[in-house]
Amino acid sequence: MIYAVASGKGGTGKTTVSSSLAALWDGPATLVDLDVEEPNLHLFLKPELTDVRKAWIEVPEADESKCTRCRACADICQFKAITVMADTLLVFADMCHGCGGCLAVCPEGALFPGRRELGEICRGTAGRHGFVMGRLRVGEAMSPPLMRQVRRLFPELSEKGDILIDAPPGVSCPAIAAVTDADCIVLVTEPTPFGFHDFKLAWEAFTPLGKPMGAVINRADLGDSAVRDFCRENHIPVWAEIPYSRDIAEAYSRGEVVAETLKGLEGTFTALRGHMRAAAAGGEPCAK
């Protein structure tokens, strides 16, 4: 099964939950950090990386001697990554999404495949589990293409056991890409006005995917009851509540896995693990 830990906003405790689940997962699993713009799961799990490879995306390069300025390439590109200005063919490689449409429609063969570095894909082991992390190149604007290359490893990784995804925060393209393959989504939130607002956005964004979803309320004894009321009204199960604690904050700041460091939290994450497995297997209702 594939499980994604997501959140509507950053700072809600998503990596706290992901790292604790990873530490207590009682079967074979691969831990995947898909927050490629700012990966940090490795700071807590301290994996041994054995394979670090560059990731590339195919982008067009031009042979202007063959170009007739027919504009077929510019017309098909929805992202304005290629255009013709006067008699000059311009390619903006950083804007290219790598669809290959321009290469396919050029009647003169004036375009040929080049490549742009996206970042790197790191693989290794974290304790008894596998570990995979995408890390975006500094200056690269688009993370979904790199995430797509990491996700291509999922069929191979699924043969070895479960996959636990630490997803990027938010509800934009990277967040949707991270949860698309998941059999179950864990939404981490906090009972504050900002946390509640972005939790609703995440629920609205992920619900059309038809995935089983449950909530984890971090810093649960702060704020008000708006998150719980919303979950009750929309049949979203609350799978775990993590109390506000200075000890948790200090453990996090030291790069420690809180479920291993602090007494009393192991049962919370063990119960959460059970809810996730039941939901992914169809034993608990989806959020509606």
Protein backbone atom coordinates (compact mmCIF):
# COMPACT_ATOMS: atom_id res chain seq x y z
CA MET A 1 0.00 0.00 0.00
CA ILE A 2 1.00 3.62 -0.55
CA TYR A 3 0.32 6.13 2.23
CA ALA A 4 0.74 9.90 1.87
CA VAL A 5 1.14 12.30 4.79
CA ALA A 6 0.03 15.73 3.58
CA SER A 7 -1.03 19.10 4.96
CA GLY A 8 -2.73 22.24 3.72
CA LYS A 9 0.06 24.45 5.03
CA GLY A 10 3.63 24.17 6.18
CA GLY A 11 4.54 23.92 9.85
CA THR A 12 1.63 21.77 10.98
CA GLY A 13 3.82 18.78 11.94
CA LYS A 14 3.70 16.72 8.79
CA THR A 15 7.32 15.58 9.03
CA THR A 16 6.88 14.89 12.75
CA VAL A 17 4.10 12.48 11.83
CA SER A 18 5.96 10.99 8.84
CA SER A 19 9.17 10.31 10.76
CA SER A 20 7.31 8.81 13.73
CA LEU A 21 5.28 6.52 11.48
CA ALA A 22 8.49 5.47 9.74
CA ALA A 23 10.12 4.62 13.06
CA LEU A 24 7.15 2.53 14.23
CA TRP A 25 6.16 0.89 10.94
CA ASP A 26 6.16 -2.82 11.71
CA GLY A 27 6.56 -4.20 8.20
CA PRO A 28 8.86 -3.65 5.22
CA ALA A 29 8.52 -0.14 3.85
CA THR A 30 10.21 2.55 1.79
CA LEU A 31 10.15 6.12 3.05
CA VAL A 32 9.83 8.66 0.26
CA ASP A 33 10.36 12.40 0.73
CA LEU A 34 8.44 14.02 -2.12
CA ASP A 35 8.78 17.53 -0.71
CA VAL A 36 11.54 18.01 -3.25
CA GLU A 37 11.75 21.80 -2.87
CA GLU A 38 12.77 21.52 0.78
CA PRO A 39 13.21 17.86 1.80
CA ASN A 40 13.86 17.36 5.50
CA LEU A 41 12.81 13.80 6.36
CA HIS A 42 16.45 12.74 6.13
CA LEU A 43 17.32 15.10 8.99
CA PHE A 44 15.27 12.90 11.32
CA LEU A 45 15.74 9.42 9.86
CA LYS A 46 19.44 9.93 9.06
CA PRO A 47 19.54 7.49 6.13
CA GLU A 48 22.66 6.02 4.59
CA LEU A 49 22.53 7.18 0.98
CA THR A 50 24.05 4.69 -1.42
CA ASP A 51 22.86 6.01 -4.79
CA VAL A 52 22.66 9.72 -5.72
CA ARG A 53 21.88 10.45 -9.36
CA LYS A 54 21.14 13.56 -11.38
CA ALA A 55 17.63 13.87 -12.79
CA TRP A 56 17.03 15.50 -16.16
CA ILE A 57 14.07 16.66 -18.22
CA GLU A 58 13.96 16.64 -22.02
CA VAL A 59 13.81 20.13 -23.52
CA PRO A 60 14.05 21.26 -27.16
CA GLU A 61 17.15 22.69 -28.76
CA ALA A 62 17.02 24.45 -32.11
CA ASP A 63 18.86 24.27 -35.42
CA GLU A 64 17.89 27.65 -36.86
CA SER A 65 19.32 26.77 -40.26
CA LYS A 66 16.40 24.34 -40.73
CA CYS A 67 13.69 26.57 -39.24
CA THR A 68 11.16 28.07 -41.67
CA ARG A 69 9.42 30.17 -38.96
CA CYS A 70 6.16 28.32 -39.47
CA ARG A 71 5.34 28.76 -35.75
CA ALA A 72 3.93 25.24 -35.36
CA CYS A 73 6.10 24.75 -32.25
CA ALA A 74 5.08 28.08 -30.73
CA ASP A 75 1.40 27.44 -31.38
CA ILE A 76 1.38 24.08 -29.60
CA CYS A 77 3.33 25.22 -26.53
CA GLN A 78 0.90 26.22 -23.78
CA PHE A 79 3.70 27.45 -21.54
CA LYS A 80 5.35 29.89 -23.98
CA ALA A 81 8.64 28.04 -23.70
CA ILE A 82 9.29 28.43 -27.41
CA THR A 83 8.39 31.27 -29.73
CA VAL A 84 9.35 33.03 -32.95
CA MET A 85 10.14 36.73 -32.73
CA ALA A 86 10.72 38.34 -36.13
CA ASP A 87 13.17 35.93 -37.76
CA THR A 88 14.51 34.49 -34.53
CA LEU A 89 13.49 31.18 -32.94
CA LEU A 90 13.73 31.46 -29.16
CA VAL A 91 13.69 28.54 -26.71
CA PHE A 92 13.21 29.26 -22.99
CA ALA A 93 14.38 25.98 -21.53
CA ASP A 94 13.52 26.89 -17.93
CA MET A 95 9.85 27.25 -18.89
CA CYS A 96 9.65 23.93 -20.72
CA HIS A 97 7.50 21.19 -19.12
CA GLY A 98 9.07 18.46 -21.25
CA CYS A 99 5.89 17.33 -23.07
CA GLY A 100 7.69 16.88 -26.40
CA GLY A 101 4.89 18.45 -28.41
CA CYS A 102 7.12 20.92 -30.23
CA LEU A 103 9.50 18.13 -31.27
CA ALA A 104 6.57 16.15 -32.66
CA VAL A 105 5.00 18.93 -34.75
CA CYS A 106 8.09 20.56 -36.26
CA PRO A 107 7.83 19.72 -39.99
CA GLU A 108 11.45 20.54 -40.79
CA GLY A 109 13.22 18.75 -37.95
CA ALA A 110 14.58 22.06 -36.72
CA LEU A 111 14.15 21.00 -33.11
CA PHE A 112 16.02 18.15 -31.44
CA PRO A 113 16.02 16.82 -27.86
CA GLY A 114 18.27 18.46 -25.30
CA ARG A 115 18.04 18.30 -21.54
CA ARG A 116 17.86 20.45 -18.42
CA GLU A 117 18.95 19.38 -14.96
CA LEU A 118 16.05 19.11 -12.51
CA GLY A 119 17.90 18.03 -9.40
CA GLU A 120 18.86 14.68 -7.96
CA ILE A 121 17.27 11.48 -6.72
CA CYS A 122 18.85 9.96 -3.61
CA ARG A 123 18.33 6.34 -2.54
CA GLY A 124 19.53 4.41 0.46
CA THR A 125 18.37 2.87 3.71
CA ALA A 126 17.06 4.29 6.98
CA GLY A 127 17.39 1.57 9.58
CA ARG A 128 15.48 -1.45 8.35
CA HIS A 129 13.55 0.53 5.72
CA GLY A 130 14.38 1.81 2.28
CA PHE A 131 14.70 5.55 1.71
CA VAL A 132 14.17 7.70 -1.40
CA MET A 133 14.40 11.47 -1.64
CA GLY A 134 14.09 13.97 -4.46
CA ARG A 135 16.07 17.20 -4.15
CA LEU A 136 15.31 20.03 -6.58
CA ARG A 137 18.17 21.97 -8.15
CA VAL A 138 18.58 25.45 -6.72
CA GLY A 139 16.99 27.82 -9.24
CA GLU A 140 14.68 25.20 -10.78
CA ALA A 141 11.12 26.54 -10.84
CA MET A 142 9.10 23.35 -11.35
CA SER A 143 9.02 20.46 -8.91
CA PRO A 144 6.38 18.11 -10.46
CA PRO A 145 8.73 16.84 -13.21
CA LEU A 146 11.26 15.72 -10.59
CA MET A 147 8.48 14.26 -8.45
CA ARG A 148 7.25 12.36 -11.51
CA GLN A 149 10.65 10.70 -11.87
CA VAL A 150 10.63 9.68 -8.21
CA ARG A 151 7.10 8.30 -8.59
CA ARG A 152 8.25 6.11 -11.47
CA LEU A 153 10.13 4.10 -8.85
CA PHE A 154 6.90 3.22 -7.02
CA PRO A 155 6.14 -0.06 -8.87
CA GLU A 156 9.62 -1.31 -7.96
CA LEU A 157 9.37 -0.07 -4.38
CA SER A 158 5.90 -1.55 -3.89
CA GLU A 159 7.30 -5.01 -4.49
CA LYS A 160 9.43 -4.54 -1.36
CA GLY A 161 6.62 -3.43 0.95
CA ASP A 162 4.59 -0.36 1.81
CA ILE A 163 5.47 3.18 0.72
CA LEU A 164 5.21 6.11 3.13
CA ILE A 165 5.23 9.49 1.39
CA ASP A 166 6.13 12.75 3.07
CA ALA A 167 4.25 15.10 0.73
CA PRO A 168 4.86 18.81 0.13
CA PRO A 169 2.48 21.18 1.93
CA GLY A 170 -0.30 23.08 0.23
CA VAL A 171 -2.86 22.27 -2.44
CA SER A 172 -1.06 23.25 -5.65
CA CYS A 173 0.39 20.99 -8.33
CA PRO A 174 3.20 19.48 -6.18
CA ALA A 175 0.77 18.46 -3.43
CA ILE A 176 -1.67 16.88 -5.89
CA ALA A 177 1.17 15.05 -7.64
CA ALA A 178 2.40 13.66 -4.31
CA VAL A 179 -0.93 12.08 -3.29
CA THR A 180 -2.10 10.86 -6.71
CA ASP A 181 -0.69 7.34 -6.26
CA ALA A 182 -1.67 7.00 -2.60
CA ASP A 183 -4.13 4.42 -1.29
CA CYS A 184 -4.68 6.56 1.83
CA ILE A 185 -4.09 10.22 2.72
CA VAL A 186 -3.30 11.51 6.21
CA LEU A 187 -4.10 15.22 6.55
CA VAL A 188 -2.09 16.87 9.32
CA THR A 189 -3.54 20.09 10.70
CA GLU A 190 -3.63 22.26 13.80
CA PRO A 191 -6.62 23.92 15.51
CA THR A 192 -5.69 27.50 14.60
CA PRO A 193 -7.43 29.84 12.14
CA PHE A 194 -4.67 29.40 9.54
CA GLY A 195 -4.50 25.65 10.11
CA PHE A 196 -8.26 25.26 9.81
CA HIS A 197 -8.46 27.42 6.67
CA ASP A 198 -5.78 25.47 4.85
CA PHE A 199 -7.12 22.14 6.11
CA LYS A 200 -10.42 22.91 4.38
CA LEU A 201 -8.57 23.78 1.17
CA ALA A 202 -6.66 20.50 1.30
CA TRP A 203 -9.84 18.51 1.93
CA GLU A 204 -11.55 20.24 -1.01
CA ALA A 205 -8.54 19.61 -3.26
CA PHE A 206 -8.04 15.94 -2.38
CA THR A 207 -11.66 14.79 -2.06
CA PRO A 208 -12.23 14.54 -5.85
CA LEU A 209 -9.42 11.96 -5.97
CA GLY A 210 -11.67 9.53 -4.07
CA LYS A 211 -8.96 8.48 -1.61
CA PRO A 212 -9.63 7.44 1.99
CA MET A 213 -8.64 10.38 4.19
CA GLY A 214 -8.24 10.93 7.90
CA ALA A 215 -7.04 13.82 10.01
CA VAL A 216 -4.25 14.16 12.54
CA ILE A 217 -4.64 17.21 14.78
CA ASN A 218 -1.29 18.45 16.02
CA ARG A 219 -1.02 20.79 19.02
CA ALA A 220 -4.54 19.58 19.70
CA ASP A 221 -5.05 21.40 22.99
CA LEU A 222 -4.56 24.84 21.43
CA GLY A 223 -7.03 26.92 19.45
CA ASP A 224 -10.70 26.04 19.21
CA SER A 225 -13.00 23.26 18.03
CA ALA A 226 -13.45 24.46 14.43
CA VAL A 227 -11.31 21.66 12.95
CA ARG A 228 -13.12 18.95 14.93
CA ASP A 229 -16.53 20.39 14.08
CA PHE A 230 -15.64 20.46 10.38
CA CYS A 231 -14.40 16.87 10.50
CA ARG A 232 -17.57 15.73 12.22
CA GLU A 233 -19.83 17.56 9.73
CA ASN A 234 -17.97 16.14 6.73
CA HIS A 235 -17.43 12.62 8.07
CA ILE A 236 -13.64 12.97 8.22
CA PRO A 237 -12.29 10.56 10.85
CA VAL A 238 -9.81 12.04 13.33
CA TRP A 239 -7.19 9.31 13.56
CA ALA A 240 -4.88 10.94 16.09
CA GLU A 241 -4.43 14.00 18.29
CA ILE A 242 -0.97 15.13 19.35
CA PRO A 243 -0.82 17.49 22.34
CA TYR A 244 1.03 20.77 22.40
CA SER A 245 4.28 20.14 24.24
CA ARG A 246 7.53 21.99 24.68
CA ASP A 247 9.25 18.61 24.88
CA ILE A 248 7.98 17.74 21.39
CA ALA A 249 9.21 21.08 20.04
CA GLU A 250 12.64 20.62 21.60
CA ALA A 251 12.94 17.05 20.31
CA TYR A 252 12.01 18.23 16.82
CA SER A 253 14.58 21.04 16.97
CA ARG A 254 17.26 18.44 17.75
CA GLY A 255 16.26 16.30 14.77
CA GLU A 256 14.85 13.52 16.92
CA VAL A 257 11.91 11.25 16.09
CA VAL A 258 9.39 12.25 18.73
CA ALA A 259 7.63 8.86 18.89
CA GLU A 260 10.94 7.28 19.91
CA THR A 261 12.10 10.06 22.22
CA LEU A 262 9.01 10.95 24.25
CA LYS A 263 7.01 8.58 26.39
CA GLY A 264 3.30 8.33 25.72
CA LEU A 265 3.39 9.06 22.00
CA GLU A 266 4.21 5.57 20.75
CA GLY A 267 0.63 4.41 21.34
CA THR A 268 -0.72 7.43 19.44
CA PHE A 269 1.27 6.63 16.32
CA THR A 270 0.69 2.90 16.59
CA ALA A 271 -3.06 3.55 16.62
CA LEU A 272 -2.65 5.93 13.67
CA ARG A 273 -0.83 3.21 11.76
CA GLY A 274 -3.76 0.87 12.33
CA HIS A 275 -6.31 3.43 11.11
CA MET A 276 -4.27 4.05 7.96
CA ARG A 277 -4.04 0.37 7.13
CA ALA A 278 -7.76 -0.17 7.73
CA ALA A 279 -8.67 2.80 5.54
CA ALA A 280 -6.38 1.75 2.70
CA ALA A 281 -7.85 -1.77 2.84
CA GLY A 282 -11.40 -0.37 2.73
CA GLY A 283 -12.21 -1.05 6.37
CA GLU A 284 -12.87 2.59 7.29
CA PRO A 285 -15.08 5.07 5.42
CA CYS A 286 -13.67 7.67 3.05
CA ALA A 287 -14.18 11.34 3.81
CA LYS A 288 -17.25 12.64 2.03
